[in-house]
Amino acid sequence: MTDDPTAPRHIHIHEDEVGMRCLYPLAAVGEVADDVRAADTANEANRAPDGVGWTDVHVIASPEHDYAEAGLRLDQADAALSPILPRVRRFAATASAGFRPDAHDPYGTHEDEAHCYGLDATCFLKLEAGGSLVRQVWFHVETLDAERLAQLREAIVALDQLVPSIIADYWLNSTGVVRDGDFLDRYLRALSNGD
């Protein structure tokens, strides 16, 4: 598919945003819900005594069931997403020092052929590949714009039509089935409220 000439050329975010809002195949619902609960418990248990930061972090567990196991191919996902959100090939996730124009964060992620679909760094969906298959899907939202949120919803539903999926949001301590319209409505409302 030809790239959209109006698409952003580059998306660059802070590394702390990576993988905090994910899609997983429905088969992973139990283990993902357990991990979101464990993250919430760790968040409270490890809050620093002075209230600034944490004394330890919860490492998000990769579920046993992923999109590669479900057989989701990159070309299928691209065909579903490209009509909804433009593909952005250049993607970076770095620590604060990596945001300087002359800096290259050696610990960051820098991709020139990313499978990232979005309008800018405030609203996008990212595929992590394993060869020709999608392994993981995550997204990032920092917008209250209803039109952008509607496009994100459409992209999530398009992937769900390929592989029935769940949302796991570690910021909101929330999980739910994409095809559950009531859950999806509540979830998008929470995002539109800036939660």
N, C-alpha and C. Protein backbone atom coordinates (compact mmCIF):
# COMPACT_ATOMS: atom_id res chain seq x y z
N MET A 1 0.84 -1.18 0.00
CA MET A 1 0.00 0.00 0.00
C MET A 1 0.88 1.24 0.00
N THR A 2 0.51 2.24 -0.76
CA THR A 2 1.25 3.49 -0.83
C THR A 2 1.06 4.27 0.47
N ASP A 3 2.16 4.83 0.94
CA ASP A 3 2.07 5.62 2.17
C ASP A 3 1.27 6.89 1.93
N ASP A 4 0.55 7.32 2.93
CA ASP A 4 -0.24 8.54 2.88
C ASP A 4 0.70 9.74 2.97
N PRO A 5 0.71 10.63 1.96
CA PRO A 5 1.63 11.77 2.00
C PRO A 5 1.31 12.76 3.12
N THR A 6 0.12 12.69 3.70
CA THR A 6 -0.24 13.59 4.80
C THR A 6 0.11 12.99 6.16
N ALA A 7 0.58 11.75 6.17
CA ALA A 7 0.91 11.07 7.43
C ALA A 7 2.12 11.74 8.08
N PRO A 8 2.16 11.71 9.41
CA PRO A 8 3.35 12.23 10.08
C PRO A 8 4.56 11.38 9.67
N ARG A 9 5.71 11.99 9.62
CA ARG A 9 6.90 11.28 9.18
C ARG A 9 7.60 10.56 10.34
N HIS A 10 7.27 10.94 11.57
CA HIS A 10 8.01 10.42 12.71
C HIS A 10 7.16 10.52 13.96
N ILE A 11 7.18 9.49 14.79
CA ILE A 11 6.55 9.55 16.11
C ILE A 11 7.64 9.24 17.13
N HIS A 12 7.76 10.10 18.14
CA HIS A 12 8.78 9.97 19.17
C HIS A 12 8.11 10.16 20.52
N ILE A 13 8.22 9.16 21.38
CA ILE A 13 7.60 9.22 22.70
C ILE A 13 8.62 8.89 23.78
N HIS A 14 8.25 9.13 25.02
CA HIS A 14 9.08 8.73 26.15
C HIS A 14 8.93 7.23 26.36
N GLU A 15 10.01 6.58 26.70
CA GLU A 15 10.01 5.12 26.85
C GLU A 15 9.02 4.62 27.90
N ASP A 16 8.67 5.43 28.88
CA ASP A 16 7.72 5.01 29.92
C ASP A 16 6.32 4.76 29.39
N GLU A 17 6.02 5.26 28.19
CA GLU A 17 4.70 5.10 27.60
C GLU A 17 4.53 3.76 26.87
N VAL A 18 5.63 3.09 26.58
CA VAL A 18 5.59 1.88 25.75
C VAL A 18 4.85 0.74 26.47
N GLY A 19 3.88 0.18 25.78
CA GLY A 19 3.21 -1.03 26.26
C GLY A 19 2.31 -0.87 27.47
N MET A 20 1.90 0.33 27.78
CA MET A 20 1.03 0.52 28.94
C MET A 20 -0.44 0.32 28.60
N ARG A 21 -0.77 0.42 27.31
CA ARG A 21 -2.13 0.14 26.82
C ARG A 21 -1.98 -0.83 25.67
N CYS A 22 -2.49 -2.05 25.88
CA CYS A 22 -2.24 -3.12 24.91
C CYS A 22 -3.52 -3.81 24.46
N LEU A 23 -3.39 -4.45 23.32
CA LEU A 23 -4.39 -5.42 22.87
C LEU A 23 -3.74 -6.78 22.94
N TYR A 24 -4.52 -7.77 23.34
CA TYR A 24 -4.08 -9.16 23.37
C TYR A 24 -5.18 -10.03 22.81
N PRO A 25 -4.82 -11.20 22.29
CA PRO A 25 -5.87 -12.13 21.86
C PRO A 25 -6.76 -12.52 23.04
N LEU A 26 -8.00 -12.78 22.75
CA LEU A 26 -8.97 -13.15 23.79
C LEU A 26 -8.49 -14.33 24.62
N ALA A 27 -7.71 -15.21 24.02
CA ALA A 27 -7.20 -16.39 24.74
C ALA A 27 -6.35 -16.02 25.95
N ALA A 28 -5.83 -14.79 26.00
CA ALA A 28 -4.96 -14.36 27.09
C ALA A 28 -5.71 -13.63 28.20
N VAL A 29 -7.04 -13.60 28.14
CA VAL A 29 -7.82 -12.75 29.05
C VAL A 29 -7.52 -13.03 30.53
N GLY A 30 -7.42 -14.27 30.93
CA GLY A 30 -7.20 -14.58 32.35
C GLY A 30 -5.84 -14.13 32.84
N GLU A 31 -4.79 -14.49 32.11
CA GLU A 31 -3.45 -14.13 32.56
C GLU A 31 -3.21 -12.62 32.50
N VAL A 32 -3.81 -11.94 31.52
CA VAL A 32 -3.65 -10.49 31.42
C VAL A 32 -4.39 -9.79 32.56
N ALA A 33 -5.60 -10.22 32.85
CA ALA A 33 -6.35 -9.62 33.97
C ALA A 33 -5.59 -9.81 35.28
N ASP A 34 -5.01 -10.98 35.48
CA ASP A 34 -4.20 -11.22 36.69
C ASP A 34 -3.01 -10.27 36.75
N ASP A 35 -2.36 -10.04 35.60
CA ASP A 35 -1.18 -9.17 35.59
C ASP A 35 -1.55 -7.72 35.84
N VAL A 36 -2.67 -7.26 35.28
CA VAL A 36 -3.11 -5.89 35.54
C VAL A 36 -3.41 -5.71 37.02
N ARG A 37 -4.05 -6.69 37.65
CA ARG A 37 -4.31 -6.62 39.10
C ARG A 37 -2.99 -6.61 39.88
N ALA A 38 -2.03 -7.46 39.47
CA ALA A 38 -0.73 -7.50 40.15
C ALA A 38 -0.01 -6.16 40.02
N ALA A 39 -0.12 -5.53 38.87
CA ALA A 39 0.52 -4.22 38.66
C ALA A 39 -0.11 -3.17 39.58
N ASP A 40 -1.42 -3.21 39.71
CA ASP A 40 -2.11 -2.25 40.57
C ASP A 40 -1.70 -2.47 42.03
N THR A 41 -1.62 -3.72 42.46
CA THR A 41 -1.19 -4.04 43.82
C THR A 41 0.24 -3.56 44.06
N ALA A 42 1.13 -3.81 43.09
CA ALA A 42 2.52 -3.39 43.21
C ALA A 42 2.63 -1.86 43.25
N ASN A 43 1.79 -1.20 42.49
CA ASN A 43 1.78 0.26 42.47
C ASN A 43 1.54 0.82 43.87
N GLU A 44 0.56 0.26 44.55
CA GLU A 44 0.24 0.72 45.91
C GLU A 44 1.30 0.29 46.92
N ALA A 45 1.76 -0.96 46.81
CA ALA A 45 2.72 -1.50 47.79
C ALA A 45 4.09 -0.85 47.67
N ASN A 46 4.45 -0.37 46.49
CA ASN A 46 5.81 0.13 46.27
C ASN A 46 5.89 1.65 46.16
N ARG A 47 4.83 2.33 46.54
CA ARG A 47 4.87 3.80 46.49
C ARG A 47 5.92 4.28 47.49
N ALA A 48 6.77 5.19 47.04
CA ALA A 48 7.84 5.72 47.90
C ALA A 48 7.25 6.40 49.13
N PRO A 49 7.92 6.27 50.29
CA PRO A 49 7.39 6.87 51.52
C PRO A 49 7.12 8.37 51.42
N ASP A 50 7.93 9.07 50.61
CA ASP A 50 7.71 10.52 50.48
C ASP A 50 6.65 10.85 49.43
N GLY A 51 6.07 9.80 48.79
CA GLY A 51 5.01 10.00 47.82
C GLY A 51 5.48 10.35 46.42
N VAL A 52 6.80 10.44 46.22
CA VAL A 52 7.37 10.78 44.92
C VAL A 52 8.03 9.53 44.34
N GLY A 53 7.37 8.90 43.40
CA GLY A 53 7.95 7.72 42.75
C GLY A 53 7.64 6.43 43.50
N TRP A 54 8.41 5.40 43.16
CA TRP A 54 8.21 4.06 43.71
C TRP A 54 9.54 3.46 44.12
N THR A 55 9.47 2.53 45.04
CA THR A 55 10.67 1.84 45.50
C THR A 55 10.99 0.61 44.65
N ASP A 56 10.02 0.15 43.89
CA ASP A 56 10.20 -0.99 43.00
C ASP A 56 9.15 -0.88 41.90
N VAL A 57 9.39 -1.55 40.79
CA VAL A 57 8.44 -1.48 39.68
C VAL A 57 7.92 -2.88 39.34
N HIS A 58 6.74 -2.90 38.81
CA HIS A 58 6.14 -4.14 38.31
C HIS A 58 6.54 -4.26 36.84
N VAL A 59 7.09 -5.38 36.47
CA VAL A 59 7.42 -5.63 35.06
C VAL A 59 6.23 -6.35 34.44
N ILE A 60 5.67 -5.74 33.41
CA ILE A 60 4.51 -6.32 32.75
C ILE A 60 4.88 -7.68 32.17
N ALA A 61 4.09 -8.68 32.49
CA ALA A 61 4.35 -10.05 32.02
C ALA A 61 3.76 -10.24 30.62
N SER A 62 4.55 -10.81 29.74
CA SER A 62 4.04 -11.16 28.41
C SER A 62 3.20 -12.41 28.54
N PRO A 63 1.96 -12.37 28.08
CA PRO A 63 1.12 -13.56 28.22
C PRO A 63 1.59 -14.69 27.30
N GLU A 64 1.23 -15.88 27.67
CA GLU A 64 1.57 -17.06 26.87
C GLU A 64 0.95 -16.98 25.48
N HIS A 65 -0.26 -16.43 25.40
CA HIS A 65 -0.98 -16.34 24.13
C HIS A 65 -0.74 -14.97 23.50
N ASP A 66 -0.20 -14.95 22.29
CA ASP A 66 0.02 -13.69 21.60
C ASP A 66 -0.56 -13.76 20.19
N TYR A 67 -0.43 -12.67 19.44
CA TYR A 67 -1.00 -12.62 18.09
C TYR A 67 -0.29 -13.54 17.11
N ALA A 68 1.00 -13.79 17.34
CA ALA A 68 1.72 -14.73 16.46
C ALA A 68 1.11 -16.13 16.60
N GLU A 69 0.82 -16.52 17.84
CA GLU A 69 0.18 -17.81 18.08
C GLU A 69 -1.18 -17.88 17.38
N ALA A 70 -1.87 -16.74 17.33
CA ALA A 70 -3.18 -16.68 16.67
C ALA A 70 -3.04 -16.62 15.14
N GLY A 71 -1.80 -16.45 14.64
CA GLY A 71 -1.57 -16.44 13.20
C GLY A 71 -1.81 -15.11 12.51
N LEU A 72 -1.84 -14.00 13.27
CA LEU A 72 -2.08 -12.69 12.67
C LEU A 72 -0.83 -12.24 11.91
N ARG A 73 -0.99 -12.04 10.60
CA ARG A 73 0.12 -11.61 9.75
C ARG A 73 0.18 -10.08 9.68
N LEU A 74 1.39 -9.56 9.53
CA LEU A 74 1.58 -8.12 9.39
C LEU A 74 0.81 -7.57 8.20
N ASP A 75 0.82 -8.29 7.08
CA ASP A 75 0.12 -7.77 5.90
C ASP A 75 -1.39 -7.69 6.14
N GLN A 76 -1.95 -8.64 6.91
CA GLN A 76 -3.38 -8.58 7.25
C GLN A 76 -3.67 -7.36 8.12
N ALA A 77 -2.84 -7.17 9.14
CA ALA A 77 -3.05 -6.05 10.06
C ALA A 77 -2.87 -4.73 9.32
N ASP A 78 -1.86 -4.64 8.45
CA ASP A 78 -1.64 -3.42 7.68
C ASP A 78 -2.84 -3.10 6.79
N ALA A 79 -3.38 -4.13 6.14
CA ALA A 79 -4.54 -3.92 5.26
C ALA A 79 -5.75 -3.44 6.05
N ALA A 80 -5.89 -3.90 7.30
CA ALA A 80 -7.02 -3.47 8.13
C ALA A 80 -6.82 -2.06 8.69
N LEU A 81 -5.57 -1.70 9.03
CA LEU A 81 -5.31 -0.44 9.71
C LEU A 81 -5.07 0.75 8.78
N SER A 82 -4.41 0.51 7.66
CA SER A 82 -4.01 1.62 6.77
C SER A 82 -5.17 2.49 6.29
N PRO A 83 -6.36 1.93 6.01
CA PRO A 83 -7.46 2.81 5.62
C PRO A 83 -8.00 3.68 6.77
N ILE A 84 -7.63 3.34 7.99
CA ILE A 84 -8.16 4.05 9.17
C ILE A 84 -7.16 5.08 9.68
N LEU A 85 -5.91 4.64 9.85
CA LEU A 85 -4.85 5.50 10.36
C LEU A 85 -3.63 5.35 9.46
N PRO A 86 -2.96 6.43 9.09
CA PRO A 86 -1.79 6.31 8.23
C PRO A 86 -0.63 5.61 8.94
N ARG A 87 0.15 4.87 8.15
CA ARG A 87 1.33 4.21 8.71
C ARG A 87 2.45 5.23 8.86
N VAL A 88 3.08 5.20 10.01
CA VAL A 88 4.23 6.04 10.31
C VAL A 88 5.42 5.10 10.46
N ARG A 89 6.38 5.19 9.57
CA ARG A 89 7.49 4.24 9.56
C ARG A 89 8.57 4.54 10.59
N ARG A 90 8.85 5.82 10.83
CA ARG A 90 9.92 6.17 11.78
C ARG A 90 9.32 6.33 13.18
N PHE A 91 9.87 5.54 14.11
CA PHE A 91 9.34 5.52 15.47
C PHE A 91 10.51 5.49 16.44
N ALA A 92 10.39 6.24 17.52
CA ALA A 92 11.41 6.22 18.57
C ALA A 92 10.74 6.31 19.93
N ALA A 93 11.29 5.57 20.87
CA ALA A 93 10.89 5.65 22.28
C ALA A 93 12.19 5.76 23.07
N THR A 94 12.37 6.90 23.73
CA THR A 94 13.64 7.16 24.41
C THR A 94 13.41 7.75 25.79
N ALA A 95 14.48 7.75 26.58
CA ALA A 95 14.46 8.47 27.85
C ALA A 95 14.58 9.96 27.57
N SER A 96 14.44 10.77 28.56
CA SER A 96 14.42 12.22 28.38
C SER A 96 15.62 12.74 27.61
N ALA A 97 16.81 12.21 27.87
CA ALA A 97 18.01 12.68 27.17
C ALA A 97 17.92 12.44 25.67
N GLY A 98 17.18 11.43 25.26
CA GLY A 98 17.06 11.10 23.85
C GLY A 98 16.15 12.02 23.07
N PHE A 99 15.54 13.01 23.71
CA PHE A 99 14.65 13.95 23.02
C PHE A 99 15.41 15.14 22.44
N ARG A 100 16.67 15.32 22.82
CA ARG A 100 17.44 16.41 22.22
C ARG A 100 17.63 16.11 20.73
N PRO A 101 17.59 17.13 19.88
CA PRO A 101 17.70 16.90 18.43
C PRO A 101 18.98 16.19 18.01
N ASP A 102 20.06 16.39 18.75
CA ASP A 102 21.34 15.79 18.37
C ASP A 102 21.62 14.48 19.10
N ALA A 103 20.67 13.98 19.88
CA ALA A 103 20.90 12.82 20.74
C ALA A 103 20.39 11.53 20.11
N HIS A 104 21.10 10.46 20.39
CA HIS A 104 20.64 9.11 20.04
C HIS A 104 20.74 8.28 21.31
N ASP A 105 19.62 7.93 21.88
CA ASP A 105 19.58 7.19 23.13
C ASP A 105 19.97 5.74 22.85
N PRO A 106 21.13 5.27 23.31
CA PRO A 106 21.55 3.90 23.02
C PRO A 106 20.66 2.85 23.68
N TYR A 107 19.89 3.24 24.68
CA TYR A 107 18.99 2.32 25.34
C TYR A 107 17.56 2.44 24.81
N GLY A 108 17.34 3.38 23.92
CA GLY A 108 16.01 3.60 23.37
C GLY A 108 15.71 2.68 22.21
N THR A 109 14.53 2.85 21.68
CA THR A 109 14.08 2.13 20.48
C THR A 109 14.05 3.12 19.34
N HIS A 110 14.70 2.77 18.24
CA HIS A 110 14.71 3.62 17.05
C HIS A 110 14.42 2.72 15.86
N GLU A 111 13.29 2.95 15.20
CA GLU A 111 12.89 2.12 14.05
C GLU A 111 12.67 3.00 12.83
N ASP A 112 13.15 2.52 11.68
CA ASP A 112 12.91 3.22 10.41
C ASP A 112 11.86 2.53 9.56
N GLU A 113 11.45 1.33 9.94
CA GLU A 113 10.40 0.60 9.21
C GLU A 113 9.37 0.06 10.20
N ALA A 114 8.94 0.93 11.10
CA ALA A 114 7.98 0.53 12.13
C ALA A 114 6.61 0.27 11.51
N HIS A 115 5.85 -0.52 12.20
CA HIS A 115 4.44 -0.73 11.87
C HIS A 115 3.64 0.03 12.93
N CYS A 116 3.64 1.35 12.76
CA CYS A 116 2.99 2.27 13.67
C CYS A 116 1.93 3.01 12.86
N TYR A 117 0.73 3.13 13.41
CA TYR A 117 -0.39 3.73 12.69
C TYR A 117 -0.99 4.83 13.55
N GLY A 118 -0.93 6.06 13.06
CA GLY A 118 -1.47 7.15 13.86
C GLY A 118 -1.34 8.49 13.21
N LEU A 119 -1.78 9.48 13.95
CA LEU A 119 -1.81 10.84 13.46
C LEU A 119 -0.64 11.65 14.00
N ASP A 120 -0.20 11.32 15.19
CA ASP A 120 0.97 11.94 15.81
C ASP A 120 1.22 11.19 17.12
N ALA A 121 2.14 11.71 17.92
CA ALA A 121 2.52 11.02 19.16
C ALA A 121 1.42 11.00 20.21
N THR A 122 0.32 11.71 19.97
CA THR A 122 -0.76 11.73 20.97
C THR A 122 -1.81 10.65 20.74
N CYS A 123 -1.76 9.96 19.60
CA CYS A 123 -2.77 8.95 19.33
C CYS A 123 -2.28 8.02 18.22
N PHE A 124 -1.84 6.83 18.61
CA PHE A 124 -1.35 5.87 17.62
C PHE A 124 -1.47 4.45 18.15
N LEU A 125 -1.32 3.52 17.24
CA LEU A 125 -1.36 2.09 17.55
C LEU A 125 -0.09 1.49 16.94
N LYS A 126 0.60 0.60 17.66
CA LYS A 126 1.88 0.06 17.21
C LYS A 126 1.86 -1.45 17.23
N LEU A 127 2.34 -2.04 16.15
CA LEU A 127 2.48 -3.49 16.05
C LEU A 127 3.92 -3.86 16.29
N GLU A 128 4.14 -4.88 17.10
CA GLU A 128 5.48 -5.44 17.29
C GLU A 128 5.51 -6.76 16.53
N ALA A 129 6.48 -6.90 15.66
CA ALA A 129 6.53 -8.04 14.75
C ALA A 129 7.49 -9.12 15.21
N GLY A 130 7.21 -10.31 14.74
CA GLY A 130 8.11 -11.45 14.84
C GLY A 130 8.12 -12.08 13.45
N GLY A 131 9.07 -11.65 12.62
CA GLY A 131 9.06 -12.09 11.22
C GLY A 131 7.87 -11.47 10.51
N SER A 132 7.08 -12.30 9.83
CA SER A 132 5.93 -11.79 9.09
C SER A 132 4.65 -11.76 9.94
N LEU A 133 4.78 -12.12 11.22
CA LEU A 133 3.62 -12.17 12.11
C LEU A 133 3.64 -11.03 13.12
N VAL A 134 2.47 -10.65 13.56
CA VAL A 134 2.33 -9.68 14.66
C VAL A 134 2.48 -10.46 15.96
N ARG A 135 3.35 -9.99 16.85
CA ARG A 135 3.48 -10.60 18.17
C ARG A 135 2.60 -9.87 19.18
N GLN A 136 2.75 -8.55 19.21
CA GLN A 136 2.06 -7.75 20.21
C GLN A 136 1.51 -6.49 19.56
N VAL A 137 0.44 -5.95 20.16
CA VAL A 137 -0.15 -4.69 19.72
C VAL A 137 -0.30 -3.81 20.97
N TRP A 138 0.16 -2.59 20.86
CA TRP A 138 -0.06 -1.63 21.94
C TRP A 138 -0.40 -0.27 21.33
N PHE A 139 -0.95 0.59 22.15
CA PHE A 139 -1.36 1.90 21.66
C PHE A 139 -1.10 2.96 22.72
N HIS A 140 -1.12 4.19 22.27
CA HIS A 140 -0.87 5.32 23.16
C HIS A 140 -1.90 6.39 22.86
N VAL A 141 -2.42 7.01 23.92
CA VAL A 141 -3.44 8.06 23.78
C VAL A 141 -3.14 9.18 24.76
N GLU A 142 -3.00 10.38 24.23
CA GLU A 142 -2.90 11.60 25.04
C GLU A 142 -3.70 12.70 24.38
N THR A 143 -4.90 12.38 23.95
CA THR A 143 -5.74 13.36 23.30
C THR A 143 -7.17 13.22 23.80
N LEU A 144 -7.87 14.33 23.82
CA LEU A 144 -9.29 14.32 24.15
C LEU A 144 -10.12 14.54 22.89
N ASP A 145 -9.46 14.63 21.74
CA ASP A 145 -10.13 14.89 20.47
C ASP A 145 -11.04 13.71 20.10
N ALA A 146 -12.32 13.96 20.00
CA ALA A 146 -13.31 12.90 19.74
C ALA A 146 -13.07 12.21 18.41
N GLU A 147 -12.68 12.95 17.40
CA GLU A 147 -12.44 12.35 16.08
C GLU A 147 -11.25 11.39 16.12
N ARG A 148 -10.20 11.78 16.80
CA ARG A 148 -9.02 10.90 16.91
C ARG A 148 -9.36 9.65 17.71
N LEU A 149 -10.10 9.82 18.79
CA LEU A 149 -10.50 8.66 19.60
C LEU A 149 -11.41 7.73 18.79
N ALA A 150 -12.25 8.28 17.95
CA ALA A 150 -13.12 7.46 17.09
C ALA A 150 -12.27 6.67 16.09
N GLN A 151 -11.22 7.28 15.55
CA GLN A 151 -10.34 6.56 14.64
C GLN A 151 -9.60 5.44 15.37
N LEU A 152 -9.14 5.72 16.58
CA LEU A 152 -8.47 4.68 17.37
C LEU A 152 -9.43 3.53 17.64
N ARG A 153 -10.66 3.85 18.01
CA ARG A 153 -11.66 2.81 18.25
C ARG A 153 -11.85 1.97 16.99
N GLU A 154 -11.97 2.62 15.84
CA GLU A 154 -12.15 1.90 14.59
C GLU A 154 -10.97 0.97 14.31
N ALA A 155 -9.76 1.43 14.61
CA ALA A 155 -8.57 0.61 14.40
C ALA A 155 -8.57 -0.61 15.34
N ILE A 156 -8.94 -0.38 16.59
CA ILE A 156 -9.00 -1.49 17.56
C ILE A 156 -10.04 -2.52 17.12
N VAL A 157 -11.21 -2.05 16.69
CA VAL A 157 -12.26 -2.96 16.23
C VAL A 157 -11.82 -3.71 14.97
N ALA A 158 -11.09 -3.04 14.08
CA ALA A 158 -10.61 -3.71 12.86
C ALA A 158 -9.67 -4.86 13.21
N LEU A 159 -8.79 -4.67 14.18
CA LEU A 159 -7.90 -5.76 14.59
C LEU A 159 -8.69 -6.87 15.29
N ASP A 160 -9.67 -6.47 16.08
CA ASP A 160 -10.52 -7.45 16.76
C ASP A 160 -11.27 -8.32 15.76
N GLN A 161 -11.61 -7.78 14.61
CA GLN A 161 -12.30 -8.58 13.59
C GLN A 161 -11.36 -9.63 12.99
N LEU A 162 -10.06 -9.37 13.04
CA LEU A 162 -9.08 -10.36 12.56
C LEU A 162 -8.81 -11.42 13.62
N VAL A 163 -8.65 -10.98 14.87
CA VAL A 163 -8.42 -11.88 16.00
C VAL A 163 -9.19 -11.31 17.19
N PRO A 164 -10.21 -12.02 17.70
CA PRO A 164 -10.93 -11.51 18.88
C PRO A 164 -9.93 -11.13 19.97
N SER A 165 -10.14 -9.92 20.54
CA SER A 165 -9.11 -9.32 21.39
C SER A 165 -9.68 -8.73 22.67
N ILE A 166 -8.74 -8.44 23.57
CA ILE A 166 -9.04 -7.73 24.81
C ILE A 166 -8.14 -6.50 24.89
N ILE A 167 -8.57 -5.54 25.68
CA ILE A 167 -7.76 -4.37 26.01
C ILE A 167 -7.22 -4.56 27.42
N ALA A 168 -5.95 -4.25 27.59
CA ALA A 168 -5.34 -4.21 28.92
C ALA A 168 -4.72 -2.83 29.08
N ASP A 169 -5.23 -2.05 30.01
CA ASP A 169 -4.74 -0.70 30.22
C ASP A 169 -4.14 -0.62 31.63
N TYR A 170 -2.81 -0.52 31.67
CA TYR A 170 -2.11 -0.48 32.95
C TYR A 170 -2.19 0.89 33.61
N TRP A 171 -2.48 1.95 32.86
CA TRP A 171 -2.68 3.27 33.47
C TRP A 171 -4.02 3.30 34.20
N LEU A 172 -5.05 2.72 33.59
CA LEU A 172 -6.39 2.76 34.17
C LEU A 172 -6.73 1.51 34.99
N ASN A 173 -5.79 0.55 35.08
CA ASN A 173 -6.04 -0.71 35.78
C ASN A 173 -7.33 -1.35 35.28
N SER A 174 -7.41 -1.49 33.95
CA SER A 174 -8.64 -1.94 33.33
C SER A 174 -8.37 -2.99 32.26
N THR A 175 -9.24 -3.99 32.21
CA THR A 175 -9.23 -4.96 31.12
C THR A 175 -10.66 -5.18 30.67
N GLY A 176 -10.80 -5.55 29.41
CA GLY A 176 -12.12 -5.85 28.89
C GLY A 176 -12.06 -6.37 27.48
N VAL A 177 -13.14 -7.01 27.08
CA VAL A 177 -13.24 -7.62 25.75
C VAL A 177 -13.68 -6.55 24.75
N VAL A 178 -12.94 -6.44 23.65
CA VAL A 178 -13.23 -5.42 22.64
C VAL A 178 -14.66 -5.56 22.13
N ARG A 179 -15.13 -6.78 21.91
CA ARG A 179 -16.47 -6.98 21.35
C ARG A 179 -17.60 -6.70 22.34
N ASP A 180 -17.25 -6.44 23.59
CA ASP A 180 -18.24 -6.03 24.58
C ASP A 180 -18.46 -4.53 24.40
N GLY A 181 -19.50 -4.18 23.67
CA GLY A 181 -19.75 -2.78 23.33
C GLY A 181 -19.86 -1.87 24.54
N ASP A 182 -20.48 -2.37 25.63
CA ASP A 182 -20.61 -1.55 26.84
C ASP A 182 -19.23 -1.24 27.42
N PHE A 183 -18.37 -2.29 27.50
CA PHE A 183 -17.01 -2.06 28.00
C PHE A 183 -16.28 -1.05 27.11
N LEU A 184 -16.34 -1.25 25.80
CA LEU A 184 -15.60 -0.37 24.89
C LEU A 184 -16.10 1.07 24.99
N ASP A 185 -17.40 1.25 25.13
CA ASP A 185 -17.95 2.60 25.32
C ASP A 185 -17.41 3.24 26.60
N ARG A 186 -17.46 2.48 27.71
CA ARG A 186 -16.96 3.01 29.00
C ARG A 186 -15.47 3.33 28.90
N TYR A 187 -14.72 2.44 28.27
CA TYR A 187 -13.28 2.62 28.16
C TYR A 187 -12.94 3.88 27.35
N LEU A 188 -13.60 4.05 26.20
CA LEU A 188 -13.33 5.24 25.38
C LEU A 188 -13.79 6.51 26.09
N ARG A 189 -14.86 6.41 26.87
CA ARG A 189 -15.29 7.58 27.66
C ARG A 189 -14.22 7.95 28.69
N ALA A 190 -13.64 6.93 29.32
CA ALA A 190 -12.57 7.20 30.30
C ALA A 190 -11.39 7.87 29.61
N LEU A 191 -11.03 7.42 28.42
CA LEU A 191 -9.93 8.06 27.68
C LEU A 191 -10.30 9.49 27.29
N SER A 192 -11.56 9.69 26.89
CA SER A 192 -11.98 11.03 26.46
C SER A 192 -12.07 12.01 27.62
N ASN A 193 -12.10 11.48 28.85
CA ASN A 193 -12.10 12.33 30.05
C ASN A 193 -10.68 12.63 30.52
N GLY A 194 -9.70 12.10 29.80
CA GLY A 194 -8.31 12.35 30.17
C GLY A 194 -7.81 11.45 31.27
N ASP A 195 -8.50 10.35 31.51
CA ASP A 195 -8.06 9.41 32.57
C ASP A 195 -6.86 8.60 32.11
